[in-house]
C-alpha atoms as a PDB file:
ATOM      1  CA  MET A   1      -1.399 -37.278   6.756  1.00  0.00           C
ATOM      2  CA  ARG A   2       0.723 -36.098   9.684  1.00  0.00           C
ATOM      3  CA  MET A   3       1.381 -32.519  10.731  1.00  0.00           C
ATOM      4  CA  ASP A   4       5.026 -32.640   9.646  1.00  0.00           C
ATOM      5  CA  GLU A   5       3.852 -33.225   6.074  1.00  0.00           C
ATOM      6  CA  THR A   6       2.222 -29.796   5.891  1.00  0.00           C
ATOM      7  CA  THR A   7       4.184 -26.679   4.996  1.00  0.00           C
ATOM      8  CA  HIS A   8       4.800 -24.006   7.625  1.00  0.00           C
ATOM      9  CA  ASP A   9       2.197 -21.629   6.199  1.00  0.00           C
ATOM     10  CA  ALA A  10      -0.281 -24.257   5.091  1.00  0.00           C
ATOM     11  CA  ARG A  11      -3.667 -24.705   6.693  1.00  0.00           C
ATOM     12  CA  ALA A  12      -5.314 -28.068   6.303  1.00  0.00           C
ATOM     13  CA  SER A  13      -8.804 -29.289   7.080  1.00  0.00           C
ATOM     14  CA  ALA A  14      -9.088 -31.894   9.803  1.00  0.00           C
ATOM     15  CA  ALA A  15     -11.133 -33.915   7.358  1.00  0.00           C
ATOM     16  CA  THR A  16      -7.925 -34.624   5.411  1.00  0.00           C
ATOM     17  CA  LEU A  17      -5.977 -35.454   8.556  1.00  0.00           C
ATOM     18  CA  SER A  18      -6.015 -38.283  11.026  1.00  0.00           C
ATOM     19  CA  PHE A  19      -5.720 -38.041  14.792  1.00  0.00           C
ATOM     20  CA  PRO A  20      -6.093 -41.676  15.911  1.00  0.00           C
ATOM     21  CA  ARG A  21      -3.930 -41.232  19.032  1.00  0.00           C
ATOM     22  CA  LEU A  22      -4.653 -38.447  21.506  1.00  0.00           C
ATOM     23  CA  LEU A  23      -2.935 -37.250  24.660  1.00  0.00           C
ATOM     24  CA  LEU A  24      -5.353 -35.543  27.066  1.00  0.00           C
ATOM     25  CA  LEU A  25      -3.855 -33.049  29.500  1.00  0.00           C
ATOM     26  CA  GLU A  26      -6.521 -31.776  31.846  1.00  0.00           C
ATOM     27  CA  ASN A  27      -6.727 -29.176  34.572  1.00  0.00           C
ATOM     28  CA  ARG A  28      -9.448 -30.524  36.799  1.00  0.00           C
ATOM     29  CA  LYS A  29      -9.691 -27.252  38.718  1.00  0.00           C
ATOM     30  CA  ALA A  30     -10.330 -25.005  35.681  1.00  0.00           C
ATOM     31  CA  GLY A  31     -14.061 -24.529  35.338  1.00  0.00           C
ATOM     32  CA  GLY A  32     -14.853 -27.702  37.257  1.00  0.00           C
ATOM     33  CA  GLY A  33     -14.477 -30.019  34.255  1.00  0.00           C
ATOM     34  CA  GLY A  34     -13.994 -33.721  34.980  1.00  0.00           C
ATOM     35  CA  GLU A  35     -11.267 -35.707  33.303  1.00  0.00           C
ATOM     36  CA  SER A  36     -13.308 -38.889  33.007  1.00  0.00           C
ATOM     37  CA  GLU A  37     -16.115 -37.117  31.124  1.00  0.00           C
ATOM     38  CA  ILE A  38     -13.818 -35.630  28.469  1.00  0.00           C
ATOM     39  CA  ALA A  39     -11.739 -38.792  28.154  1.00  0.00           C
ATOM     40  CA  GLN A  40     -14.897 -40.853  27.683  1.00  0.00           C
ATOM     41  CA  ARG A  41     -16.209 -38.532  24.975  1.00  0.00           C
ATOM     42  CA  LEU A  42     -12.864 -38.698  23.178  1.00  0.00           C
ATOM     43  CA  ARG A  43     -12.886 -42.494  23.308  1.00  0.00           C
ATOM     44  CA  GLU A  44     -16.432 -42.509  21.927  1.00  0.00           C
ATOM     45  CA  THR A  45     -14.945 -41.105  18.718  1.00  0.00           C
ATOM     46  CA  GLY A  46     -13.056 -44.379  18.285  1.00  0.00           C
ATOM     47  CA  ARG A  47      -9.648 -42.876  19.019  1.00  0.00           C
ATOM     48  CA  GLU A  48      -6.940 -44.130  21.337  1.00  0.00           C
ATOM     49  CA  VAL A  49      -6.754 -41.789  24.330  1.00  0.00           C
ATOM     50  CA  LEU A  50      -3.941 -41.388  26.850  1.00  0.00           C
ATOM     51  CA  ALA A  51      -5.326 -39.560  29.889  1.00  0.00           C
ATOM     52  CA  PRO A  52      -2.597 -39.492  32.574  1.00  0.00           C
ATOM     53  CA  ASP A  53      -3.366 -38.326  36.092  1.00  0.00           C
ATOM     54  CA  THR A  54      -1.102 -35.290  36.337  1.00  0.00           C
ATOM     55  CA  SER A  55      -1.258 -33.038  39.389  1.00  0.00           C
ATOM     56  CA  SER A  56       0.893 -30.154  38.129  1.00  0.00           C
ATOM     57  CA  ILE A  57       1.897 -28.257  34.999  1.00  0.00           C
ATOM     58  CA  GLU A  58       5.399 -29.696  35.335  1.00  0.00           C
ATOM     59  CA  GLU A  59       4.074 -33.262  35.258  1.00  0.00           C
ATOM     60  CA  ALA A  60       1.853 -32.441  32.291  1.00  0.00           C
ATOM     61  CA  CYS A  61       4.839 -31.006  30.378  1.00  0.00           C
ATOM     62  CA  ASP A  62       6.939 -34.056  31.171  1.00  0.00           C
ATOM     63  CA  MET A  63       4.147 -36.301  29.914  1.00  0.00           C
ATOM     64  CA  ALA A  64       3.735 -34.255  26.722  1.00  0.00           C
ATOM     65  CA  ARG A  65       7.446 -34.528  25.945  1.00  0.00           C
ATOM     66  CA  GLU A  66       7.544 -38.237  26.776  1.00  0.00           C
ATOM     67  CA  LYS A  67       4.518 -39.149  24.656  1.00  0.00           C
ATOM     68  CA  SER A  68       4.920 -36.679  21.777  1.00  0.00           C
ATOM     69  CA  GLY A  69       6.296 -39.368  19.481  1.00  0.00           C
ATOM     70  CA  ASP A  70       3.394 -41.708  20.240  1.00  0.00           C
ATOM     71  CA  VAL A  71       0.424 -39.353  19.692  1.00  0.00           C
ATOM     72  CA  ASP A  72      -0.998 -37.319  16.823  1.00  0.00           C
ATOM     73  CA  LEU A  73      -2.637 -34.533  18.829  1.00  0.00           C
ATOM     74  CA  VAL A  74      -2.412 -33.064  22.340  1.00  0.00           C
ATOM     75  CA  VAL A  75      -5.802 -32.129  23.796  1.00  0.00           C
ATOM     76  CA  VAL A  76      -5.551 -29.495  26.527  1.00  0.00           C
ATOM     77  CA  ALA A  77      -8.702 -29.208  28.632  1.00  0.00           C
ATOM     78  CA  GLY A  78      -8.487 -26.091  30.769  1.00  0.00           C
ATOM     79  CA  GLY A  79      -8.420 -22.321  30.791  1.00  0.00           C
ATOM     80  CA  ASP A  80      -5.924 -19.722  29.631  1.00  0.00           C
ATOM     81  CA  GLY A  81      -3.720 -20.349  32.668  1.00  0.00           C
ATOM     82  CA  SER A  82      -3.419 -24.019  31.725  1.00  0.00           C
ATOM     83  CA  VAL A  83      -2.460 -23.128  28.150  1.00  0.00           C
ATOM     84  CA  ASN A  84       0.083 -20.592  29.394  1.00  0.00           C
ATOM     85  CA  GLY A  85       1.731 -23.093  31.702  1.00  0.00           C
ATOM     86  CA  LEU A  86       2.125 -25.610  28.872  1.00  0.00           C
ATOM     87  CA  LEU A  87       3.364 -23.209  26.191  1.00  0.00           C
ATOM     88  CA  SER A  88       7.085 -23.772  26.645  1.00  0.00           C
ATOM     89  CA  CYS A  89       6.834 -27.519  26.131  1.00  0.00           C
ATOM     90  CA  LEU A  90       4.088 -27.448  23.487  1.00  0.00           C
ATOM     91  CA  MET A  91       6.137 -25.161  21.231  1.00  0.00           C
ATOM     92  CA  ASP A  92       8.873 -27.805  21.171  1.00  0.00           C
ATOM     93  CA  LEU A  93       6.574 -30.621  20.052  1.00  0.00           C
ATOM     94  CA  SER A  94       5.959 -31.739  16.478  1.00  0.00           C
ATOM     95  CA  VAL A  95       2.278 -32.467  17.168  1.00  0.00           C
ATOM     96  CA  PRO A  96      -0.515 -29.872  17.190  1.00  0.00           C
ATOM     97  CA  MET A  97      -2.760 -28.940  20.110  1.00  0.00           C
ATOM     98  CA  LEU A  98      -6.532 -28.689  20.522  1.00  0.00           C
ATOM     99  CA  VAL A  99      -7.862 -26.574  23.388  1.00  0.00           C
ATOM    100  CA  VAL A 100     -11.097 -27.682  25.038  1.00  0.00           C
ATOM    101  CA  PRO A 101     -12.221 -24.585  26.985  1.00  0.00           C
ATOM    102  CA  ARG A 102     -12.629 -25.267  30.700  1.00  0.00           C
ATOM    103  CA  GLY A 103     -11.710 -21.883  32.198  1.00  0.00           C
ATOM    104  CA  THR A 104     -13.503 -18.618  32.927  1.00  0.00           C
ATOM    105  CA  GLY A 105     -12.153 -16.357  30.164  1.00  0.00           C
ATOM    106  CA  ASN A 106     -11.064 -18.872  27.493  1.00  0.00           C
ATOM    107  CA  ASP A 107      -9.585 -16.072  25.384  1.00  0.00           C
ATOM    108  CA  PHE A 108      -7.084 -18.274  23.551  1.00  0.00           C
ATOM    109  CA  ALA A 109      -9.937 -20.532  22.424  1.00  0.00           C
ATOM    110  CA  ARG A 110     -11.890 -17.437  21.310  1.00  0.00           C
ATOM    111  CA  SER A 111      -8.928 -16.262  19.225  1.00  0.00           C
ATOM    112  CA  LEU A 112      -8.959 -19.616  17.418  1.00  0.00           C
ATOM    113  CA  GLY A 113     -12.714 -19.586  16.872  1.00  0.00           C
ATOM    114  CA  ILE A 114     -13.107 -22.657  19.097  1.00  0.00           C
ATOM    115  CA  PRO A 115     -16.640 -23.170  20.465  1.00  0.00           C
ATOM    116  CA  LEU A 116     -16.722 -22.590  24.214  1.00  0.00           C
ATOM    117  CA  GLU A 117     -18.872 -25.626  24.896  1.00  0.00           C
ATOM    118  CA  GLY A 118     -16.761 -28.736  25.384  1.00  0.00           C
ATOM    119  CA  ASP A 119     -18.814 -31.039  23.159  1.00  0.00           C
ATOM    120  CA  GLU A 120     -18.636 -28.581  20.261  1.00  0.00           C
ATOM    121  CA  ALA A 121     -14.898 -28.067  20.718  1.00  0.00           C
ATOM    122  CA  LEU A 122     -14.349 -31.815  20.388  1.00  0.00           C
ATOM    123  CA  SER A 123     -16.135 -31.752  17.033  1.00  0.00           C
ATOM    124  CA  LEU A 124     -13.093 -29.906  15.627  1.00  0.00           C
ATOM    125  CA  LEU A 125     -11.320 -33.275  15.576  1.00  0.00           C
ATOM    126  CA  ASP A 126     -13.369 -33.893  12.415  1.00  0.00           C
ATOM    127  CA  THR A 127     -14.254 -30.404  11.194  1.00  0.00           C
ATOM    128  CA  GLY A 128     -11.356 -28.154  12.240  1.00  0.00           C
ATOM    129  CA  MET A 129      -8.274 -26.866  10.456  1.00  0.00           C
ATOM    130  CA  LEU A 130      -4.593 -26.876  11.311  1.00  0.00           C
ATOM    131  CA  ALA A 131      -2.896 -23.517  11.820  1.00  0.00           C
ATOM    132  CA  ASP A 132       0.376 -22.082  13.097  1.00  0.00           C
ATOM    133  CA  VAL A 133      -0.151 -19.196  15.532  1.00  0.00           C
ATOM    134  CA  ASP A 134       2.060 -16.629  17.220  1.00  0.00           C
ATOM    135  CA  VAL A 135       3.459 -16.738  20.723  1.00  0.00           C
ATOM    136  CA  SER A 136       4.699 -13.581  22.429  1.00  0.00           C
ATOM    137  CA  PHE A 137       7.160 -13.235  25.271  1.00  0.00           C
ATOM    138  CA  ALA A 138       7.492 -10.924  28.262  1.00  0.00           C
ATOM    139  CA  ASN A 139      11.105 -11.009  29.465  1.00  0.00           C
ATOM    140  CA  GLY A 140      11.399 -14.407  27.800  1.00  0.00           C
ATOM    141  CA  LYS A 141       8.216 -15.864  29.325  1.00  0.00           C
ATOM    142  CA  PRO A 142       5.584 -16.893  26.757  1.00  0.00           C
ATOM    143  CA  PHE A 143       1.965 -15.764  26.522  1.00  0.00           C
ATOM    144  CA  VAL A 144      -0.794 -16.049  23.901  1.00  0.00           C
ATOM    145  CA  ASN A 145      -3.452 -13.490  24.859  1.00  0.00           C
ATOM    146  CA  ALA A 146      -2.286 -10.169  26.278  1.00  0.00           C
ATOM    147  CA  ALA A 147       0.227  -8.875  28.815  1.00  0.00           C
ATOM    148  CA  SER A 148      -0.739  -5.889  30.917  1.00  0.00           C
ATOM    149  CA  VAL A 149       0.543  -3.422  33.468  1.00  0.00           C
ATOM    150  CA  GLY A 150      -1.749  -1.318  35.608  1.00  0.00           C
ATOM    151  CA  LEU A 151      -5.545  -1.479  35.452  1.00  0.00           C
ATOM    152  CA  THR A 152      -5.960  -4.820  33.688  1.00  0.00           C
ATOM    153  CA  ALA A 153      -3.278  -6.374  35.869  1.00  0.00           C
ATOM    154  CA  GLN A 154      -5.254  -5.123  38.873  1.00  0.00           C
ATOM    155  CA  VAL A 155      -8.340  -6.842  37.470  1.00  0.00           C
ATOM    156  CA  THR A 156      -6.371 -10.100  37.373  1.00  0.00           C
ATOM    157  CA  LYS A 157      -5.497  -9.604  41.047  1.00  0.00           C
ATOM    158  CA  TYR A 158      -9.174  -9.390  41.959  1.00  0.00           C
ATOM    159  CA  GLN A 159     -10.088 -12.417  39.849  1.00  0.00           C
ATOM    160  CA  THR A 160      -9.943 -14.838  42.769  1.00  0.00           C
ATOM    161  CA  PRO A 161     -11.164 -18.435  42.342  1.00  0.00           C
ATOM    162  CA  GLU A 162     -14.042 -17.612  44.687  1.00  0.00           C
ATOM    163  CA  ARG A 163     -15.146 -14.630  42.569  1.00  0.00           C
ATOM    164  CA  LYS A 164     -14.843 -16.634  39.339  1.00  0.00           C
ATOM    165  CA  SER A 165     -16.918 -19.446  40.838  1.00  0.00           C
ATOM    166  CA  ARG A 166     -19.585 -17.073  42.138  1.00  0.00           C
ATOM    167  CA  PHE A 167     -19.979 -14.739  39.142  1.00  0.00           C
ATOM    168  CA  GLY A 168     -18.597 -16.737  36.199  1.00  0.00           C
ATOM    169  CA  SER A 169     -17.755 -14.567  33.156  1.00  0.00           C
ATOM    170  CA  VAL A 170     -19.470 -11.573  34.825  1.00  0.00           C
ATOM    171  CA  SER A 171     -16.677 -11.666  37.420  1.00  0.00           C
ATOM    172  CA  TYR A 172     -14.483  -9.667  35.016  1.00  0.00           C
ATOM    173  CA  ILE A 173     -16.938  -6.768  35.138  1.00  0.00           C
ATOM    174  CA  VAL A 174     -17.108  -6.937  38.943  1.00  0.00           C
ATOM    175  CA  SER A 175     -13.310  -7.016  39.199  1.00  0.00           C
ATOM    176  CA  ALA A 176     -12.896  -4.229  36.636  1.00  0.00           C
ATOM    177  CA  PHE A 177     -15.184  -1.903  38.604  1.00  0.00           C
ATOM    178  CA  LYS A 178     -13.156  -2.556  41.745  1.00  0.00           C
ATOM    179  CA  ALA A 179      -9.858  -2.083  39.893  1.00  0.00           C
ATOM    180  CA  VAL A 180     -10.901   1.280  38.433  1.00  0.00           C
ATOM    181  CA  GLN A 181     -11.526   2.568  41.940  1.00  0.00           C
ATOM    182  CA  VAL A 182      -8.091   1.691  43.302  1.00  0.00           C
ATOM    183  CA  SER A 183      -5.734   1.880  40.293  1.00  0.00           C
ATOM    184  CA  ARG A 184      -3.064   4.571  40.338  1.00  0.00           C
ATOM    185  CA  PRO A 185      -1.361   6.216  37.338  1.00  0.00           C
ATOM    186  CA  PHE A 186       2.251   5.394  36.485  1.00  0.00           C
ATOM    187  CA  ARG A 187       4.844   6.861  34.137  1.00  0.00           C
ATOM    188  CA  ALA A 188       5.971   4.687  31.260  1.00  0.00           C
ATOM    189  CA  GLU A 189       8.664   4.897  28.607  1.00  0.00           C
ATOM    190  CA  VAL A 190       8.083   2.718  25.557  1.00  0.00           C
ATOM    191  CA  VAL A 191      10.537   1.900  22.759  1.00  0.00           C
ATOM    192  CA  ASN A 192       9.286   0.270  19.568  1.00  0.00           C
ATOM    193  CA  LEU A 193      11.985  -2.321  18.767  1.00  0.00           C
ATOM    194  CA  ASP A 194      11.177  -1.957  15.050  1.00  0.00           C
ATOM    195  CA  GLU A 195      12.232   1.712  15.310  1.00  0.00           C
ATOM    196  CA  PRO A 196      14.973   1.706  17.985  1.00  0.00           C
ATOM    197  CA  ASP A 197      16.392   5.043  16.852  1.00  0.00           C
ATOM    198  CA  GLU A 198      13.088   6.862  17.242  1.00  0.00           C
ATOM    199  CA  THR A 199      12.418   8.977  20.337  1.00  0.00           C
ATOM    200  CA  PRO A 200      10.847   6.771  23.042  1.00  0.00           C
ATOM    201  CA  LEU A 201       7.208   7.350  23.873  1.00  0.00           C
ATOM    202  CA  LYS A 202       6.893   8.817  27.350  1.00  0.00           C
ATOM    203  CA  THR A 203       3.437   8.914  28.871  1.00  0.00           C
ATOM    204  CA  ARG A 204       1.513   8.814  32.099  1.00  0.00           C
ATOM    205  CA  CYS A 205      -1.077   6.055  32.054  1.00  0.00           C
ATOM    206  CA  VAL A 206      -3.339   3.850  34.152  1.00  0.00           C
ATOM    207  CA  GLN A 207      -3.057   0.851  31.869  1.00  0.00           C
ATOM    208  CA  LEU A 208      -0.644  -0.477  29.288  1.00  0.00           C
ATOM    209  CA  LEU A 209      -1.537  -3.592  27.336  1.00  0.00           C
ATOM    210  CA  ALA A 210       0.532  -5.605  24.849  1.00  0.00           C
ATOM    211  CA  GLY A 211      -1.699  -7.996  22.925  1.00  0.00           C
ATOM    212  CA  ASN A 212      -0.691 -11.142  21.080  1.00  0.00           C
ATOM    213  CA  GLY A 213      -4.061 -12.803  20.488  1.00  0.00           C
ATOM    214  CA  ARG A 214      -7.329 -11.214  19.480  1.00  0.00           C
ATOM    215  CA  TYR A 215      -9.051 -11.470  22.866  1.00  0.00           C
ATOM    216  CA  PHE A 216      -8.321 -10.852  26.530  1.00  0.00           C
ATOM    217  CA  GLY A 217     -10.256 -10.446  29.775  1.00  0.00           C
ATOM    218  CA  GLY A 218     -13.065 -12.832  28.910  1.00  0.00           C
ATOM    219  CA  GLY A 219     -13.902 -11.664  25.385  1.00  0.00           C
ATOM    220  CA  MET A 220     -12.631  -8.080  25.141  1.00  0.00           C
ATOM    221  CA  VAL A 221     -10.841  -7.335  21.851  1.00  0.00           C
ATOM    222  CA  VAL A 222      -7.166  -6.334  21.906  1.00  0.00           C
ATOM    223  CA  HIS A 223      -7.430  -4.414  18.620  1.00  0.00           C
ATOM    224  CA  HIS A 224     -10.034  -4.607  15.883  1.00  0.00           C
ATOM    225  CA  ASP A 225      -7.382  -5.542  13.271  1.00  0.00           C
ATOM    226  CA  THR A 226      -5.392  -8.090  15.257  1.00  0.00           C
ATOM    227  CA  ARG A 227      -5.021 -11.805  14.562  1.00  0.00           C
ATOM    228  CA  ILE A 228      -3.059 -14.342  16.540  1.00  0.00           C
ATOM    229  CA  ASP A 229      -1.039 -15.269  13.437  1.00  0.00           C
ATOM    230  CA  ASP A 230      -0.169 -11.819  12.024  1.00  0.00           C
ATOM    231  CA  GLY A 231       3.312 -11.580  13.573  1.00  0.00           C
ATOM    232  CA  LYS A 232       2.496  -8.396  15.491  1.00  0.00           C
ATOM    233  CA  ILE A 233       2.052  -7.193  19.030  1.00  0.00           C
ATOM    234  CA  TYR A 234      -0.587  -4.494  19.490  1.00  0.00           C
ATOM    235  CA  LEU A 235       0.117  -2.084  22.303  1.00  0.00           C
ATOM    236  CA  TYR A 236      -2.003   0.616  23.840  1.00  0.00           C
ATOM    237  CA  ALA A 237      -1.553   2.945  26.792  1.00  0.00           C
ATOM    238  CA  LEU A 238      -4.622   4.438  28.453  1.00  0.00           C
ATOM    239  CA  LYS A 239      -4.029   7.856  29.998  1.00  0.00           C
ATOM    240  CA  PRO A 240      -5.410   8.852  33.434  1.00  0.00           C
ATOM    241  CA  ALA A 241      -9.039   9.980  33.572  1.00  0.00           C
ATOM    242  CA  SER A 242     -11.873  10.167  36.065  1.00  0.00           C
ATOM    243  CA  THR A 243     -13.464   6.944  37.302  1.00  0.00           C
ATOM    244  CA  PHE A 244     -16.561   7.756  35.249  1.00  0.00           C
ATOM    245  CA  ALA A 245     -14.496   8.361  32.106  1.00  0.00           C
ATOM    246  CA  LEU A 246     -12.560   5.125  32.563  1.00  0.00           C
ATOM    247  CA  ILE A 247     -15.806   3.201  32.931  1.00  0.00           C
ATOM    248  CA  LEU A 248     -17.052   4.826  29.717  1.00  0.00           C
ATOM    249  CA  HIS A 249     -13.952   3.430  27.989  1.00  0.00           C
ATOM    250  CA  GLY A 250     -15.363  -0.051  28.576  1.00  0.00           C
ATOM    251  CA  PRO A 251     -17.181  -0.326  25.216  1.00  0.00           C
ATOM    252  CA  LEU A 252     -14.120   0.910  23.291  1.00  0.00           C
ATOM    253  CA  ILE A 253     -11.895  -1.608  25.089  1.00  0.00           C
ATOM    254  CA  GLY A 254     -14.424  -4.378  24.575  1.00  0.00           C
ATOM    255  CA  LEU A 255     -14.661  -3.697  20.837  1.00  0.00           C
ATOM    256  CA  GLY A 256     -10.928  -3.195  20.290  1.00  0.00           C
ATOM    257  CA  ARG A 257     -11.360   0.457  19.353  1.00  0.00           C
ATOM    258  CA  VAL A 258      -9.265   2.160  22.018  1.00  0.00           C
ATOM    259  CA  ASP A 259      -7.636   3.936  19.069  1.00  0.00           C
ATOM    260  CA  LEU A 260     -10.771   6.088  18.861  1.00  0.00           C
ATOM    261  CA  SER A 261     -10.183   7.513  22.335  1.00  0.00           C
ATOM    262  CA  PRO A 262      -8.250  10.789  22.760  1.00  0.00           C
ATOM    263  CA  ASP A 263      -7.011   9.344  26.065  1.00  0.00           C
ATOM    264  CA  ALA A 264      -5.150   6.433  24.456  1.00  0.00           C
ATOM    265  CA  VAL A 265      -1.893   5.859  22.587  1.00  0.00           C
ATOM    266  CA  VAL A 266      -1.852   2.875  20.186  1.00  0.00           C
ATOM    267  CA  ALA A 267       1.061   1.210  18.368  1.00  0.00           C
ATOM    268  CA  SER A 268       1.953  -2.102  16.734  1.00  0.00           C
ATOM    269  CA  GLY A 269       5.188  -3.909  15.946  1.00  0.00           C
ATOM    270  CA  THR A 270       7.204  -7.061  16.496  1.00  0.00           C
ATOM    271  CA  GLY A 271       8.494  -5.922  19.876  1.00  0.00           C
ATOM    272  CA  PHE A 272       8.483  -3.218  22.542  1.00  0.00           C
ATOM    273  CA  ARG A 273      10.606  -2.344  25.547  1.00  0.00           C
ATOM    274  CA  LEU A 274       8.797  -0.835  28.530  1.00  0.00           C
ATOM    275  CA  LYS A 275      10.307   0.976  31.492  1.00  0.00           C
ATOM    276  CA  THR A 276       8.516   2.397  34.525  1.00  0.00           C
ATOM    277  CA  ARG A 277       9.838   4.529  37.361  1.00  0.00           C
ATOM    278  CA  ARG A 278       9.337   1.703  39.815  1.00  0.00           C
ATOM    279  CA  PRO A 279       8.954  -2.034  39.189  1.00  0.00           C
ATOM    280  CA  LEU A 280       5.359  -2.982  38.404  1.00  0.00           C
ATOM    281  CA  PRO A 281       3.905  -6.485  37.943  1.00  0.00           C
ATOM    282  CA  VAL A 282       3.194  -7.765  34.440  1.00  0.00           C
ATOM    283  CA  HIS A 283       0.264 -10.176  34.085  1.00  0.00           C
ATOM    284  CA  ALA A 284      -0.609 -12.304  31.051  1.00  0.00           C
ATOM    285  CA  ASP A 285      -3.117 -15.095  30.408  1.00  0.00           C
ATOM    286  CA  GLY A 286      -4.435 -14.640  33.937  1.00  0.00           C
ATOM    287  CA  GLU A 287      -1.020 -15.195  35.522  1.00  0.00           C
ATOM    288  CA  ARG A 288       1.732 -12.952  36.875  1.00  0.00           C
ATOM    289  CA  LEU A 289       4.692 -13.480  34.531  1.00  0.00           C
ATOM    290  CA  THR A 290       7.311 -10.883  35.407  1.00  0.00           C
ATOM    291  CA  GLN A 291       7.756  -7.201  36.283  1.00  0.00           C
ATOM    292  CA  THR A 292       8.958  -4.018  34.631  1.00  0.00           C
ATOM    293  CA  PRO A 293      11.274  -3.208  32.997  1.00  0.00           C
ATOM    294  CA  VAL A 294       9.985  -5.662  30.420  1.00  0.00           C
ATOM    295  CA  THR A 295      10.692  -6.498  26.792  1.00  0.00           C
ATOM    296  CA  PHE A 296       7.805  -7.792  24.673  1.00  0.00           C
ATOM    297  CA  GLU A 297       8.676  -9.848  21.592  1.00  0.00           C
ATOM    298  CA  VAL A 298       6.712 -12.085  19.231  1.00  0.00           C
ATOM    299  CA  LYS A 299       7.679 -15.397  17.658  1.00  0.00           C
ATOM    300  CA  HIS A 300       5.710 -15.733  14.435  1.00  0.00           C
ATOM    301  CA  ARG A 301       3.665 -18.921  14.027  1.00  0.00           C
ATOM    302  CA  ALA A 302       5.518 -20.764  16.757  1.00  0.00           C
ATOM    303  CA  LEU A 303       2.660 -22.988  17.948  1.00  0.00           C
ATOM    304  CA  LYS A 304       0.743 -25.666  16.023  1.00  0.00           C
ATOM    305  CA  VAL A 305      -2.988 -25.756  16.824  1.00  0.00           C
ATOM    306  CA  LEU A 306      -6.289 -27.155  15.676  1.00  0.00           C
ATOM    307  CA  ALA A 307      -8.705 -24.269  15.099  1.00  0.00           C
ATOM    308  CA  SER A 308     -12.187 -23.816  13.672  1.00  0.00           C
ATOM    309  CA  LYS A 309     -12.612 -23.092   9.968  1.00  0.00           C
ATOM    310  CA  GLU A 310     -14.035 -19.690  10.975  1.00  0.00           C
ATOM    311  CA  PHE A 311     -10.562 -18.769  12.239  1.00  0.00           C
ATOM    312  CA  ALA A 312      -9.390 -18.321   8.651  1.00  0.00           C
ATOM    313  CA  SER A 313     -11.935 -15.560   8.041  1.00  0.00           C
ATOM    314  CA  GLN A 314     -11.590 -13.668  11.336  1.00  0.00           C
END
């Protein structure tokens, strides 16, 4: 059974599907994973594996487009940055994608319930389920986790390859502490595109986050109700507070319960338009995508993926 035989909303177990031909796209720099190791493990499953030596996202996209008619599944081995770079071409393909986590945060894999150990992720070839998930856009540029302005964007700035290599997942905490110390408040005007006639929200904040997936920042929760296939963007703005108070917000941010804070404004919808007094960078999936003013929009179930069965019950 091929993916194009399933309905748009249907979810099917991998046990009823067949993926005899795989295309492996691998970022050798993300997490230090080696292409030969993953390719060998895929071949050990008895499947045909194409594992081209691509040195850039552009080459990987070209290969995906060229081989899409000859493979049943695209396996992306890398981190959130690798997934982000491939989004534009993967959304155009008729074949689904499996992410094998090889980055530091791996938030997209978390949103899909994919095990973070490579060997376990590969087991989804036999035990996973097919799903269609959302992709959001910031000024037309796609992302799958969360886009941010302010504090979280500053964290991304401090997440250097050296810091990631030295501290691993703890590097987010180290970078967050540094970011809190240097972040400056900014004024924001937000329009909910679902209610364009309503008075815009005007607030002074240190962070504004627009979430598409469930996780960001190495396992923090965007919002306790969010799913990556619910057709919504969850937005919150965190108002200025003392360094100590901002640090105390950590548990609320981590659990997706910023809505419980009196220093936060929370909203959800299919799109938002954000303006700031001066242009500010917008980061998403660990990459700088654009700058303000920015329009956030969601495309419902635009990407075909292989997820864990636990994803259905998240």
